[in-house]
C-alpha atoms as a PDB file:
ATOM      1  CA  GLN A   1      13.113  38.552  24.004  1.00  0.00           C
ATOM      2  CA  VAL A   2      16.386  36.802  23.254  1.00  0.00           C
ATOM      3  CA  GLN A   3      18.109  38.151  20.172  1.00  0.00           C
ATOM      4  CA  LEU A   4      21.384  37.636  18.297  1.00  0.00           C
ATOM      5  CA  VAL A   5      22.405  40.057  15.547  1.00  0.00           C
ATOM      6  CA  GLU A   6      25.352  39.348  13.260  1.00  0.00           C
ATOM      7  CA  SER A   7      27.317  41.946  11.330  1.00  0.00           C
ATOM      8  CA  GLY A   8      30.595  42.301   9.448  1.00  0.00           C
ATOM      9  CA  GLY A   9      29.961  40.141   6.416  1.00  0.00           C
ATOM     10  CA  GLY A  10      30.844  41.266   2.918  1.00  0.00           C
ATOM     11  CA  LEU A  11      32.888  40.640  -0.200  1.00  0.00           C
ATOM     12  CA  VAL A  12      36.587  39.905   0.156  1.00  0.00           C
ATOM     13  CA  GLN A  13      39.302  38.527  -2.096  1.00  0.00           C
ATOM     14  CA  ALA A  14      40.816  35.140  -1.466  1.00  0.00           C
ATOM     15  CA  GLY A  15      43.614  35.440   1.058  1.00  0.00           C
ATOM     16  CA  GLY A  16      41.969  38.385   2.749  1.00  0.00           C
ATOM     17  CA  SER A  17      40.375  38.818   6.167  1.00  0.00           C
ATOM     18  CA  LEU A  18      37.031  39.677   7.698  1.00  0.00           C
ATOM     19  CA  ARG A  19      35.806  39.946  11.260  1.00  0.00           C
ATOM     20  CA  LEU A  20      32.237  38.982  12.062  1.00  0.00           C
ATOM     21  CA  SER A  21      30.465  40.222  15.162  1.00  0.00           C
ATOM     22  CA  CYS A  22      27.386  38.898  16.945  1.00  0.00           C
ATOM     23  CA  ALA A  23      25.693  41.085  19.534  1.00  0.00           C
ATOM     24  CA  ALA A  24      23.406  39.421  22.060  1.00  0.00           C
ATOM     25  CA  SER A  25      20.561  40.874  24.068  1.00  0.00           C
ATOM     26  CA  GLY A  26      18.091  39.469  26.540  1.00  0.00           C
ATOM     27  CA  LEU A  27      20.578  36.879  27.800  1.00  0.00           C
ATOM     28  CA  THR A  28      23.023  36.343  30.641  1.00  0.00           C
ATOM     29  CA  PHE A  29      25.818  36.562  28.130  1.00  0.00           C
ATOM     30  CA  SER A  30      28.825  35.585  30.215  1.00  0.00           C
ATOM     31  CA  SER A  31      27.445  32.131  30.990  1.00  0.00           C
ATOM     32  CA  LEU A  32      26.487  31.258  27.417  1.00  0.00           C
ATOM     33  CA  THR A  33      28.147  28.861  25.056  1.00  0.00           C
ATOM     34  CA  LEU A  34      28.290  30.569  21.665  1.00  0.00           C
ATOM     35  CA  ALA A  35      28.984  29.221  18.223  1.00  0.00           C
ATOM     36  CA  TRP A  36      29.381  30.108  14.596  1.00  0.00           C
ATOM     37  CA  PHE A  37      27.916  27.987  11.824  1.00  0.00           C
ATOM     38  CA  ARG A  38      27.789  28.557   8.097  1.00  0.00           C
ATOM     39  CA  GLN A  39      25.693  27.426   5.168  1.00  0.00           C
ATOM     40  CA  ALA A  40      26.812  27.550   1.564  1.00  0.00           C
ATOM     41  CA  PRO A  41      24.294  27.424  -1.301  1.00  0.00           C
ATOM     42  CA  GLY A  42      22.963  23.915  -1.784  1.00  0.00           C
ATOM     43  CA  LYS A  43      24.785  22.576   1.273  1.00  0.00           C
ATOM     44  CA  GLU A  44      23.909  21.665   4.832  1.00  0.00           C
ATOM     45  CA  ARG A  45      24.603  24.084   7.646  1.00  0.00           C
ATOM     46  CA  GLU A  46      27.999  23.255   9.122  1.00  0.00           C
ATOM     47  CA  PHE A  47      29.805  23.977  12.355  1.00  0.00           C
ATOM     48  CA  VAL A  48      32.629  26.517  12.297  1.00  0.00           C
ATOM     49  CA  ALA A  49      33.638  27.343  15.884  1.00  0.00           C
ATOM     50  CA  THR A  50      32.374  27.470  19.432  1.00  0.00           C
ATOM     51  CA  ILE A  51      33.432  29.218  22.630  1.00  0.00           C
ATOM     52  CA  SER A  52      32.417  28.847  26.257  1.00  0.00           C
ATOM     53  CA  TRP A  53      33.900  29.935  29.573  1.00  0.00           C
ATOM     54  CA  SER A  54      36.106  26.818  29.507  1.00  0.00           C
ATOM     55  CA  GLY A  55      37.520  26.826  26.005  1.00  0.00           C
ATOM     56  CA  LYS A  56      37.115  26.856  22.238  1.00  0.00           C
ATOM     57  CA  ASN A  57      36.670  24.335  19.442  1.00  0.00           C
ATOM     58  CA  TYR A  58      37.052  24.690  15.699  1.00  0.00           C
ATOM     59  CA  ALA A  59      36.095  22.753  12.622  1.00  0.00           C
ATOM     60  CA  ASP A  60      39.111  21.189  10.949  1.00  0.00           C
ATOM     61  CA  SER A  61      38.420  23.205   7.798  1.00  0.00           C
ATOM     62  CA  VAL A  62      39.021  26.532   9.583  1.00  0.00           C
ATOM     63  CA  LYS A  63      41.560  25.561  12.245  1.00  0.00           C
ATOM     64  CA  GLY A  64      44.582  27.863  12.094  1.00  0.00           C
ATOM     65  CA  ARG A  65      42.760  30.445   9.960  1.00  0.00           C
ATOM     66  CA  PHE A  66      39.733  31.468  12.049  1.00  0.00           C
ATOM     67  CA  THR A  67      39.684  32.695  15.646  1.00  0.00           C
ATOM     68  CA  VAL A  68      36.606  32.899  17.858  1.00  0.00           C
ATOM     69  CA  SER A  69      36.585  35.306  20.792  1.00  0.00           C
ATOM     70  CA  ARG A  70      34.137  37.054  23.072  1.00  0.00           C
ATOM     71  CA  ASP A  71      33.801  40.301  24.981  1.00  0.00           C
ATOM     72  CA  ASN A  72      31.439  39.724  27.885  1.00  0.00           C
ATOM     73  CA  ALA A  73      31.370  43.436  28.708  1.00  0.00           C
ATOM     74  CA  LYS A  74      29.957  44.129  25.243  1.00  0.00           C
ATOM     75  CA  ASN A  75      27.763  40.998  25.031  1.00  0.00           C
ATOM     76  CA  THR A  76      29.469  40.237  21.739  1.00  0.00           C
ATOM     77  CA  VAL A  77      31.159  37.238  20.150  1.00  0.00           C
ATOM     78  CA  TYR A  78      33.552  37.603  17.223  1.00  0.00           C
ATOM     79  CA  LEU A  79      34.860  35.450  14.430  1.00  0.00           C
ATOM     80  CA  GLN A  80      38.146  36.656  12.958  1.00  0.00           C
ATOM     81  CA  MET A  81      38.598  35.045   9.564  1.00  0.00           C
ATOM     82  CA  ASP A  82      42.040  35.162   7.948  1.00  0.00           C
ATOM     83  CA  SER A  83      43.477  33.544   4.820  1.00  0.00           C
ATOM     84  CA  LEU A  84      39.987  33.270   3.396  1.00  0.00           C
ATOM     85  CA  LYS A  85      39.347  30.735   0.649  1.00  0.00           C
ATOM     86  CA  LEU A  86      36.686  30.522  -2.030  1.00  0.00           C
ATOM     87  CA  GLU A  87      35.108  27.635  -0.140  1.00  0.00           C
ATOM     88  CA  ASP A  88      34.522  29.883   2.886  1.00  0.00           C
ATOM     89  CA  THR A  89      31.746  31.618   0.944  1.00  0.00           C
ATOM     90  CA  ALA A  90      28.528  31.114   2.907  1.00  0.00           C
ATOM     91  CA  VAL A  91      25.952  32.713   5.151  1.00  0.00           C
ATOM     92  CA  TYR A  92      27.435  32.764   8.645  1.00  0.00           C
ATOM     93  CA  TYR A  93      25.176  32.315  11.650  1.00  0.00           C
ATOM     94  CA  CYS A  94      25.741  33.012  15.313  1.00  0.00           C
ATOM     95  CA  ALA A  95      24.090  30.680  17.842  1.00  0.00           C
ATOM     96  CA  ALA A  96      23.817  30.464  21.612  1.00  0.00           C
ATOM     97  CA  THR A  97      22.864  28.057  24.355  1.00  0.00           C
ATOM     98  CA  PRO A  98      22.911  28.181  28.153  1.00  0.00           C
ATOM     99  CA  ARG A  99      24.349  24.666  28.234  1.00  0.00           C
ATOM    100  CA  VAL A 100      28.014  24.277  29.111  1.00  0.00           C
ATOM    101  CA  ARG A 101      28.905  21.659  26.498  1.00  0.00           C
ATOM    102  CA  ARG A 102      30.560  23.082  23.370  1.00  0.00           C
ATOM    103  CA  GLY A 103      28.539  21.140  20.831  1.00  0.00           C
ATOM    104  CA  SER A 104      29.109  21.125  17.080  1.00  0.00           C
ATOM    105  CA  ALA A 105      25.588  20.246  15.974  1.00  0.00           C
ATOM    106  CA  SER A 106      22.807  22.670  15.166  1.00  0.00           C
ATOM    107  CA  TYR A 107      20.527  21.025  17.733  1.00  0.00           C
ATOM    108  CA  ASP A 108      23.019  21.896  20.490  1.00  0.00           C
ATOM    109  CA  TYR A 109      21.970  25.562  20.212  1.00  0.00           C
ATOM    110  CA  ASP A 110      18.701  27.228  21.123  1.00  0.00           C
ATOM    111  CA  VAL A 111      18.935  30.757  19.749  1.00  0.00           C
ATOM    112  CA  TRP A 112      20.081  31.812  16.290  1.00  0.00           C
ATOM    113  CA  GLY A 113      20.854  35.047  14.520  1.00  0.00           C
ATOM    114  CA  GLN A 114      19.589  35.951  11.066  1.00  0.00           C
ATOM    115  CA  GLY A 115      22.943  35.370   9.352  1.00  0.00           C
ATOM    116  CA  THR A 116      25.433  37.511   7.478  1.00  0.00           C
ATOM    117  CA  GLN A 117      26.731  36.822   3.979  1.00  0.00           C
ATOM    118  CA  VAL A 118      30.448  36.269   3.401  1.00  0.00           C
ATOM    119  CA  THR A 119      31.582  36.061  -0.209  1.00  0.00           C
ATOM    120  CA  VAL A 120      35.173  35.254  -1.116  1.00  0.00           C
ATOM    121  CA  SER A 121      36.192  36.069  -4.684  1.00  0.00           C
ATOM    122  CA  SER A 122      39.185  34.979  -6.732  1.00  0.00           C
END
């Protein structure tokens, strides 16, 4: 059974940092393309970042503030979030696909985690 489990969410003040983790099981992790999405209350789910063996992509809204990385030995992908803003408040989801293309749409990914809440306060 393929499974993704996010952790690391919480409450942080604006300007602060958080690191999210997503542990994968039941997959050949090193060959996966992995992504982070987020969904704020009343809004559509939106792309945040993606990472594959060949590179990374970021949404314009997080470029320069967020960093996606992976540790294939630990079957884990991370999202380091710095200089957090109020508008970063959302549920953050990890997603995975065996396809090579680093897509930015939800339909590009086959497996999803349950999400972790990130709340940025003023």
